[in-house]
mmCIF file of all heavy atoms, coordinates in Angstrom:
data_MODEL
# 
_entry.id   MODEL 
# 
loop_
_atom_site.group_PDB 
_atom_site.id 
_atom_site.type_symbol 
_atom_site.label_atom_id 
_atom_site.label_alt_id 
_atom_site.label_comp_id 
_atom_site.label_asym_id 
_atom_site.label_entity_id 
_atom_site.label_seq_id 
_atom_site.pdbx_PDB_ins_code 
_atom_site.Cartn_x 
_atom_site.Cartn_y 
_atom_site.Cartn_z 
_atom_site.occupancy 
_atom_site.B_iso_or_equiv 
_atom_site.pdbx_formal_charge 
_atom_site.auth_seq_id 
_atom_site.auth_comp_id 
_atom_site.auth_asym_id 
_atom_site.auth_atom_id 
_atom_site.pdbx_PDB_model_num 
ATOM 1   N N   . CYS A 1 1  ? 23.522 18.023 14.842 1.00 0.00 ? 1  CYS A N   1 
ATOM 2   C CA  . CYS A 1 1  ? 24.554 17.764 13.860 1.00 0.00 ? 1  CYS A CA  1 
ATOM 3   C C   . CYS A 1 1  ? 25.911 17.886 14.589 1.00 0.00 ? 1  CYS A C   1 
ATOM 4   O O   . CYS A 1 1  ? 26.038 18.322 15.754 1.00 0.00 ? 1  CYS A O   1 
ATOM 5   C CB  . CYS A 1 1  ? 24.369 18.586 12.685 1.00 0.00 ? 1  CYS A CB  1 
ATOM 6   S SG  . CYS A 1 1  ? 24.499 20.396 13.060 1.00 0.00 ? 1  CYS A SG  1 
ATOM 7   N N   . SER A 1 2  ? 26.954 17.705 13.689 1.00 0.00 ? 2  SER A N   1 
ATOM 8   C CA  . SER A 1 2  ? 28.269 17.846 14.249 1.00 0.00 ? 2  SER A CA  1 
ATOM 9   C C   . SER A 1 2  ? 28.631 19.336 14.499 1.00 0.00 ? 2  SER A C   1 
ATOM 10  O O   . SER A 1 2  ? 29.497 19.604 15.401 1.00 0.00 ? 2  SER A O   1 
ATOM 11  C CB  . SER A 1 2  ? 29.313 17.139 13.352 1.00 0.00 ? 2  SER A CB  1 
ATOM 12  O OG  . SER A 1 2  ? 29.266 17.772 12.097 1.00 0.00 ? 2  SER A OG  1 
ATOM 13  N N   . ALA A 1 3  ? 27.900 20.198 13.848 1.00 0.00 ? 3  ALA A N   1 
ATOM 14  C CA  . ALA A 1 3  ? 28.178 21.603 14.113 1.00 0.00 ? 3  ALA A CA  1 
ATOM 15  C C   . ALA A 1 3  ? 27.698 22.056 15.508 1.00 0.00 ? 3  ALA A C   1 
ATOM 16  O O   . ALA A 1 3  ? 28.314 22.868 16.122 1.00 0.00 ? 3  ALA A O   1 
ATOM 17  C CB  . ALA A 1 3  ? 27.442 22.490 13.064 1.00 0.00 ? 3  ALA A CB  1 
ATOM 18  N N   . CYS A 1 4  ? 26.648 21.361 16.007 1.00 0.00 ? 4  CYS A N   1 
ATOM 19  C CA  . CYS A 1 4  ? 26.226 21.599 17.332 1.00 0.00 ? 4  CYS A CA  1 
ATOM 20  C C   . CYS A 1 4  ? 27.304 21.232 18.429 1.00 0.00 ? 4  CYS A C   1 
ATOM 21  O O   . CYS A 1 4  ? 27.652 21.953 19.262 1.00 0.00 ? 4  CYS A O   1 
ATOM 22  C CB  . CYS A 1 4  ? 24.918 20.856 17.704 1.00 0.00 ? 4  CYS A CB  1 
ATOM 23  S SG  . CYS A 1 4  ? 23.537 21.324 16.711 1.00 0.00 ? 4  CYS A SG  1 
ATOM 24  N N   . SER A 1 5  ? 27.817 19.944 18.252 1.00 0.00 ? 5  SER A N   1 
ATOM 25  C CA  . SER A 1 5  ? 28.884 19.476 19.142 1.00 0.00 ? 5  SER A CA  1 
ATOM 26  C C   . SER A 1 5  ? 30.129 20.318 18.916 1.00 0.00 ? 5  SER A C   1 
ATOM 27  O O   . SER A 1 5  ? 30.809 20.553 19.878 1.00 0.00 ? 5  SER A O   1 
ATOM 28  C CB  . SER A 1 5  ? 29.125 18.035 18.955 1.00 0.00 ? 5  SER A CB  1 
ATOM 29  O OG  . SER A 1 5  ? 29.593 17.783 17.716 1.00 0.00 ? 5  SER A OG  1 
ATOM 30  N N   . GLY A 1 6  ? 30.402 20.771 17.722 1.00 0.00 ? 6  GLY A N   1 
ATOM 31  C CA  . GLY A 1 6  ? 31.512 21.653 17.473 1.00 0.00 ? 6  GLY A CA  1 
ATOM 32  C C   . GLY A 1 6  ? 31.474 22.959 18.098 1.00 0.00 ? 6  GLY A C   1 
ATOM 33  O O   . GLY A 1 6  ? 32.447 23.441 18.655 1.00 0.00 ? 6  GLY A O   1 
ATOM 34  N N   . ALA A 1 7  ? 30.326 23.582 18.253 1.00 0.00 ? 7  ALA A N   1 
ATOM 35  C CA  . ALA A 1 7  ? 30.093 24.796 18.909 1.00 0.00 ? 7  ALA A CA  1 
ATOM 36  C C   . ALA A 1 7  ? 30.298 24.676 20.386 1.00 0.00 ? 7  ALA A C   1 
ATOM 37  O O   . ALA A 1 7  ? 30.930 25.559 21.046 1.00 0.00 ? 7  ALA A O   1 
ATOM 38  C CB  . ALA A 1 7  ? 28.648 25.307 18.639 1.00 0.00 ? 7  ALA A CB  1 
ATOM 39  N N   . ILE A 1 8  ? 29.784 23.565 20.917 1.00 0.00 ? 8  ILE A N   1 
ATOM 40  C CA  . ILE A 1 8  ? 30.028 23.354 22.366 1.00 0.00 ? 8  ILE A CA  1 
ATOM 41  C C   . ILE A 1 8  ? 31.536 23.148 22.743 1.00 0.00 ? 8  ILE A C   1 
ATOM 42  O O   . ILE A 1 8  ? 32.011 23.750 23.545 1.00 0.00 ? 8  ILE A O   1 
ATOM 43  C CB  . ILE A 1 8  ? 29.194 22.135 22.886 1.00 0.00 ? 8  ILE A CB  1 
ATOM 44  C CG1 . ILE A 1 8  ? 27.673 22.366 22.739 1.00 0.00 ? 8  ILE A CG1 1 
ATOM 45  C CG2 . ILE A 1 8  ? 29.488 21.826 24.306 1.00 0.00 ? 8  ILE A CG2 1 
ATOM 46  C CD1 . ILE A 1 8  ? 26.856 21.096 22.957 1.00 0.00 ? 8  ILE A CD1 1 
ATOM 47  N N   . ASP A 1 9  ? 32.096 22.346 21.928 1.00 0.00 ? 9  ASP A N   1 
ATOM 48  C CA  . ASP A 1 9  ? 33.620 22.051 21.993 1.00 0.00 ? 9  ASP A CA  1 
ATOM 49  C C   . ASP A 1 9  ? 34.363 23.347 21.883 1.00 0.00 ? 9  ASP A C   1 
ATOM 50  O O   . ASP A 1 9  ? 35.218 23.610 22.800 1.00 0.00 ? 9  ASP A O   1 
ATOM 51  C CB  . ASP A 1 9  ? 33.966 21.075 20.961 1.00 0.00 ? 9  ASP A CB  1 
ATOM 52  C CG  . ASP A 1 9  ? 35.433 20.512 21.120 1.00 0.00 ? 9  ASP A CG  1 
ATOM 53  O OD1 . ASP A 1 9  ? 36.170 21.094 21.877 1.00 0.00 ? 9  ASP A OD1 1 
ATOM 54  O OD2 . ASP A 1 9  ? 35.694 19.447 20.499 1.00 0.00 ? 9  ASP A OD2 1 
ATOM 55  N N   . LYS A 1 10 ? 34.108 24.174 20.885 1.00 0.00 ? 10 LYS A N   1 
ATOM 56  C CA  . LYS A 1 10 ? 34.844 25.371 20.766 1.00 0.00 ? 10 LYS A CA  1 
ATOM 57  C C   . LYS A 1 10 ? 34.694 26.359 21.877 1.00 0.00 ? 10 LYS A C   1 
ATOM 58  O O   . LYS A 1 10 ? 35.696 26.915 22.280 1.00 0.00 ? 10 LYS A O   1 
ATOM 59  C CB  . LYS A 1 10 ? 34.415 26.055 19.469 1.00 0.00 ? 10 LYS A CB  1 
ATOM 60  C CG  . LYS A 1 10 ? 35.121 27.309 19.057 1.00 0.00 ? 10 LYS A CG  1 
ATOM 61  C CD  . LYS A 1 10 ? 34.642 27.896 17.772 1.00 0.00 ? 10 LYS A CD  1 
ATOM 62  C CE  . LYS A 1 10 ? 33.579 28.933 18.188 1.00 0.00 ? 10 LYS A CE  1 
ATOM 63  N NZ  . LYS A 1 10 ? 33.087 29.714 17.020 1.00 0.00 ? 10 LYS A NZ  1 
ATOM 64  N N   . ASN A 1 11 ? 33.516 26.442 22.453 1.00 0.00 ? 11 ASN A N   1 
ATOM 65  C CA  . ASN A 1 11 ? 33.288 27.432 23.487 1.00 0.00 ? 11 ASN A CA  1 
ATOM 66  C C   . ASN A 1 11 ? 33.858 26.836 24.808 1.00 0.00 ? 11 ASN A C   1 
ATOM 67  O O   . ASN A 1 11 ? 34.296 27.647 25.599 1.00 0.00 ? 11 ASN A O   1 
ATOM 68  C CB  . ASN A 1 11 ? 31.859 27.702 23.596 1.00 0.00 ? 11 ASN A CB  1 
ATOM 69  C CG  . ASN A 1 11 ? 31.324 28.604 22.573 1.00 0.00 ? 11 ASN A CG  1 
ATOM 70  O OD1 . ASN A 1 11 ? 31.862 29.801 22.489 1.00 0.00 ? 11 ASN A OD1 1 
ATOM 71  N ND2 . ASN A 1 11 ? 30.467 28.136 21.697 1.00 0.00 ? 11 ASN A ND2 1 
ATOM 72  N N   . LEU A 1 12 ? 33.779 25.583 25.007 1.00 0.00 ? 12 LEU A N   1 
ATOM 73  C CA  . LEU A 1 12 ? 34.431 24.992 26.308 1.00 0.00 ? 12 LEU A CA  1 
ATOM 74  C C   . LEU A 1 12 ? 35.963 25.054 26.236 1.00 0.00 ? 12 LEU A C   1 
ATOM 75  O O   . LEU A 1 12 ? 36.590 25.266 27.255 1.00 0.00 ? 12 LEU A O   1 
ATOM 76  C CB  . LEU A 1 12 ? 33.931 23.581 26.475 1.00 0.00 ? 12 LEU A CB  1 
ATOM 77  C CG  . LEU A 1 12 ? 32.541 23.330 26.908 1.00 0.00 ? 12 LEU A CG  1 
ATOM 78  C CD1 . LEU A 1 12 ? 32.170 21.906 27.049 1.00 0.00 ? 12 LEU A CD1 1 
ATOM 79  C CD2 . LEU A 1 12 ? 32.208 24.092 28.239 1.00 0.00 ? 12 LEU A CD2 1 
ATOM 80  N N   . GLN A 1 13 ? 36.530 24.873 25.011 1.00 0.00 ? 13 GLN A N   1 
ATOM 81  C CA  . GLN A 1 13 ? 38.041 25.047 24.972 1.00 0.00 ? 13 GLN A CA  1 
ATOM 82  C C   . GLN A 1 13 ? 38.506 26.353 25.307 1.00 0.00 ? 13 GLN A C   1 
ATOM 83  O O   . GLN A 1 13 ? 39.731 26.540 25.738 1.00 0.00 ? 13 GLN A O   1 
ATOM 84  C CB  . GLN A 1 13 ? 38.458 24.629 23.511 1.00 0.00 ? 13 GLN A CB  1 
ATOM 85  C CG  . GLN A 1 13 ? 38.238 23.178 23.139 1.00 0.00 ? 13 GLN A CG  1 
ATOM 86  C CD  . GLN A 1 13 ? 39.089 22.263 23.913 1.00 0.00 ? 13 GLN A CD  1 
ATOM 87  O OE1 . GLN A 1 13 ? 40.043 22.604 24.515 1.00 0.00 ? 13 GLN A OE1 1 
ATOM 88  N NE2 . GLN A 1 13 ? 38.760 21.019 23.742 1.00 0.00 ? 13 GLN A NE2 1 
ATOM 89  N N   . LYS A 1 14 ? 37.708 27.448 25.275 1.00 0.00 ? 14 LYS A N   1 
ATOM 90  C CA  . LYS A 1 14 ? 38.141 28.755 25.602 1.00 0.00 ? 14 LYS A CA  1 
ATOM 91  C C   . LYS A 1 14 ? 38.248 28.928 27.103 1.00 0.00 ? 14 LYS A C   1 
ATOM 92  O O   . LYS A 1 14 ? 38.895 29.887 27.549 1.00 0.00 ? 14 LYS A O   1 
ATOM 93  C CB  . LYS A 1 14 ? 37.011 29.781 25.215 1.00 0.00 ? 14 LYS A CB  1 
ATOM 94  C CG  . LYS A 1 14 ? 36.971 29.874 23.622 1.00 0.00 ? 14 LYS A CG  1 
ATOM 95  C CD  . LYS A 1 14 ? 35.843 30.893 23.273 1.00 0.00 ? 14 LYS A CD  1 
ATOM 96  C CE  . LYS A 1 14 ? 35.655 30.938 21.810 1.00 0.00 ? 14 LYS A CE  1 
ATOM 97  N NZ  . LYS A 1 14 ? 34.652 31.847 21.406 1.00 0.00 ? 14 LYS A NZ  1 
ATOM 98  N N   . ILE A 1 15 ? 37.696 27.958 27.889 1.00 0.00 ? 15 ILE A N   1 
ATOM 99  C CA  . ILE A 1 15 ? 37.800 28.127 29.381 1.00 0.00 ? 15 ILE A CA  1 
ATOM 100 C C   . ILE A 1 15 ? 39.040 27.470 29.916 1.00 0.00 ? 15 ILE A C   1 
ATOM 101 O O   . ILE A 1 15 ? 39.316 26.294 29.576 1.00 0.00 ? 15 ILE A O   1 
ATOM 102 C CB  . ILE A 1 15 ? 36.593 27.417 29.998 1.00 0.00 ? 15 ILE A CB  1 
ATOM 103 C CG1 . ILE A 1 15 ? 35.196 28.142 29.507 1.00 0.00 ? 15 ILE A CG1 1 
ATOM 104 C CG2 . ILE A 1 15 ? 36.673 27.439 31.546 1.00 0.00 ? 15 ILE A CG2 1 
ATOM 105 C CD1 . ILE A 1 15 ? 33.989 27.450 29.829 1.00 0.00 ? 15 ILE A CD1 1 
ATOM 106 N N   . PRO A 1 16 ? 39.895 28.246 30.520 1.00 0.00 ? 16 PRO A N   1 
ATOM 107 C CA  . PRO A 1 16 ? 41.255 27.757 30.905 1.00 0.00 ? 16 PRO A CA  1 
ATOM 108 C C   . PRO A 1 16 ? 41.207 26.550 31.849 1.00 0.00 ? 16 PRO A C   1 
ATOM 109 O O   . PRO A 1 16 ? 42.128 25.678 31.725 1.00 0.00 ? 16 PRO A O   1 
ATOM 110 C CB  . PRO A 1 16 ? 41.944 28.918 31.611 1.00 0.00 ? 16 PRO A CB  1 
ATOM 111 C CG  . PRO A 1 16 ? 41.050 30.064 31.498 1.00 0.00 ? 16 PRO A CG  1 
ATOM 112 C CD  . PRO A 1 16 ? 39.741 29.631 30.942 1.00 0.00 ? 16 PRO A CD  1 
ATOM 113 N N   . SER A 1 17 ? 40.243 26.345 32.656 1.00 0.00 ? 17 SER A N   1 
ATOM 114 C CA  . SER A 1 17 ? 40.251 25.215 33.603 1.00 0.00 ? 17 SER A CA  1 
ATOM 115 C C   . SER A 1 17 ? 39.776 23.940 33.027 1.00 0.00 ? 17 SER A C   1 
ATOM 116 O O   . SER A 1 17 ? 39.731 22.920 33.596 1.00 0.00 ? 17 SER A O   1 
ATOM 117 C CB  . SER A 1 17 ? 39.363 25.585 34.742 1.00 0.00 ? 17 SER A CB  1 
ATOM 118 O OG  . SER A 1 17 ? 38.072 25.969 34.361 1.00 0.00 ? 17 SER A OG  1 
ATOM 119 N N   . ILE A 1 18 ? 39.299 23.956 31.688 1.00 0.00 ? 18 ILE A N   1 
ATOM 120 C CA  . ILE A 1 18 ? 38.847 22.739 30.953 1.00 0.00 ? 18 ILE A CA  1 
ATOM 121 C C   . ILE A 1 18 ? 39.958 22.351 30.040 1.00 0.00 ? 18 ILE A C   1 
ATOM 122 O O   . ILE A 1 18 ? 40.450 23.259 29.182 1.00 0.00 ? 18 ILE A O   1 
ATOM 123 C CB  . ILE A 1 18 ? 37.468 23.001 30.300 1.00 0.00 ? 18 ILE A CB  1 
ATOM 124 C CG1 . ILE A 1 18 ? 36.358 23.277 31.217 1.00 0.00 ? 18 ILE A CG1 1 
ATOM 125 C CG2 . ILE A 1 18 ? 37.246 21.838 29.312 1.00 0.00 ? 18 ILE A CG2 1 
ATOM 126 C CD1 . ILE A 1 18 ? 35.102 23.520 30.565 1.00 0.00 ? 18 ILE A CD1 1 
ATOM 127 N N   . THR A 1 19 ? 40.481 21.179 30.155 1.00 0.00 ? 19 THR A N   1 
ATOM 128 C CA  . THR A 1 19 ? 41.632 20.775 29.446 1.00 0.00 ? 19 THR A CA  1 
ATOM 129 C C   . THR A 1 19 ? 41.349 19.870 28.265 1.00 0.00 ? 19 THR A C   1 
ATOM 130 O O   . THR A 1 19 ? 42.099 19.957 27.255 1.00 0.00 ? 19 THR A O   1 
ATOM 131 C CB  . THR A 1 19 ? 42.661 20.000 30.331 1.00 0.00 ? 19 THR A CB  1 
ATOM 132 O OG1 . THR A 1 19 ? 41.921 18.897 30.894 1.00 0.00 ? 19 THR A OG1 1 
ATOM 133 C CG2 . THR A 1 19 ? 43.148 20.885 31.426 1.00 0.00 ? 19 THR A CG2 1 
ATOM 134 N N   . ASN A 1 20 ? 40.288 19.040 28.253 1.00 0.00 ? 20 ASN A N   1 
ATOM 135 C CA  . ASN A 1 20 ? 39.997 18.160 27.208 1.00 0.00 ? 20 ASN A CA  1 
ATOM 136 C C   . ASN A 1 20 ? 38.479 18.006 27.035 1.00 0.00 ? 20 ASN A C   1 
ATOM 137 O O   . ASN A 1 20 ? 37.754 17.835 28.013 1.00 0.00 ? 20 ASN A O   1 
ATOM 138 C CB  . ASN A 1 20 ? 40.701 16.799 27.448 1.00 0.00 ? 20 ASN A CB  1 
ATOM 139 C CG  . ASN A 1 20 ? 40.572 15.934 26.171 1.00 0.00 ? 20 ASN A CG  1 
ATOM 140 O OD1 . ASN A 1 20 ? 40.308 16.317 25.102 1.00 0.00 ? 20 ASN A OD1 1 
ATOM 141 N ND2 . ASN A 1 20 ? 40.991 14.656 26.334 1.00 0.00 ? 20 ASN A ND2 1 
ATOM 142 N N   . VAL A 1 21 ? 38.021 18.077 25.863 1.00 0.00 ? 21 VAL A N   1 
ATOM 143 C CA  . VAL A 1 21 ? 36.513 17.908 25.538 1.00 0.00 ? 21 VAL A CA  1 
ATOM 144 C C   . VAL A 1 21 ? 36.364 16.897 24.383 1.00 0.00 ? 21 VAL A C   1 
ATOM 145 O O   . VAL A 1 21 ? 36.906 16.973 23.371 1.00 0.00 ? 21 VAL A O   1 
ATOM 146 C CB  . VAL A 1 21 ? 35.925 19.233 25.130 1.00 0.00 ? 21 VAL A CB  1 
ATOM 147 C CG1 . VAL A 1 21 ? 34.487 19.060 24.834 1.00 0.00 ? 21 VAL A CG1 1 
ATOM 148 C CG2 . VAL A 1 21 ? 36.187 20.277 26.198 1.00 0.00 ? 21 VAL A CG2 1 
ATOM 149 N N   . LYS A 1 22 ? 35.535 15.890 24.705 1.00 0.00 ? 22 LYS A N   1 
ATOM 150 C CA  . LYS A 1 22 ? 35.174 14.989 23.681 1.00 0.00 ? 22 LYS A CA  1 
ATOM 151 C C   . LYS A 1 22 ? 33.617 14.810 23.767 1.00 0.00 ? 22 LYS A C   1 
ATOM 152 O O   . LYS A 1 22 ? 33.080 14.444 24.702 1.00 0.00 ? 22 LYS A O   1 
ATOM 153 C CB  . LYS A 1 22 ? 35.764 13.551 23.935 1.00 0.00 ? 22 LYS A CB  1 
ATOM 154 C CG  . LYS A 1 22 ? 37.259 13.564 23.754 1.00 0.00 ? 22 LYS A CG  1 
ATOM 155 C CD  . LYS A 1 22 ? 37.783 12.232 23.958 1.00 0.00 ? 22 LYS A CD  1 
ATOM 156 C CE  . LYS A 1 22 ? 39.330 12.210 23.730 1.00 0.00 ? 22 LYS A CE  1 
ATOM 157 N NZ  . LYS A 1 22 ? 40.020 10.915 24.015 1.00 0.00 ? 22 LYS A NZ  1 
ATOM 158 N N   . ILE A 1 23 ? 32.947 15.238 22.596 1.00 0.00 ? 23 ILE A N   1 
ATOM 159 C CA  . ILE A 1 23 ? 31.548 15.205 22.509 1.00 0.00 ? 23 ILE A CA  1 
ATOM 160 C C   . ILE A 1 23 ? 31.177 14.351 21.310 1.00 0.00 ? 23 ILE A C   1 
ATOM 161 O O   . ILE A 1 23 ? 31.624 14.440 20.236 1.00 0.00 ? 23 ILE A O   1 
ATOM 162 C CB  . ILE A 1 23 ? 30.945 16.563 22.374 1.00 0.00 ? 23 ILE A CB  1 
ATOM 163 C CG1 . ILE A 1 23 ? 31.461 17.482 23.495 1.00 0.00 ? 23 ILE A CG1 1 
ATOM 164 C CG2 . ILE A 1 23 ? 29.490 16.613 22.273 1.00 0.00 ? 23 ILE A CG2 1 
ATOM 165 C CD1 . ILE A 1 23 ? 31.061 18.872 23.428 1.00 0.00 ? 23 ILE A CD1 1 
ATOM 166 N N   . ASN A 1 24 ? 30.179 13.383 21.607 1.00 0.00 ? 24 ASN A N   1 
ATOM 167 C CA  . ASN A 1 24 ? 29.643 12.603 20.545 1.00 0.00 ? 24 ASN A CA  1 
ATOM 168 C C   . ASN A 1 24 ? 28.238 13.160 20.253 1.00 0.00 ? 24 ASN A C   1 
ATOM 169 O O   . ASN A 1 24 ? 27.303 13.001 21.074 1.00 0.00 ? 24 ASN A O   1 
ATOM 170 C CB  . ASN A 1 24 ? 29.557 11.096 20.990 1.00 0.00 ? 24 ASN A CB  1 
ATOM 171 C CG  . ASN A 1 24 ? 29.112 10.222 19.827 1.00 0.00 ? 24 ASN A CG  1 
ATOM 172 O OD1 . ASN A 1 24 ? 28.375 10.585 19.044 1.00 0.00 ? 24 ASN A OD1 1 
ATOM 173 N ND2 . ASN A 1 24 ? 29.632 8.977  19.979 1.00 0.00 ? 24 ASN A ND2 1 
# 
């Protein structure tokens, strides 16, 4: 579901070297 992609997105955004995340 979208909560799964949201969890990945939220955790990757915490990493300073990752600037943009788009997950379908």
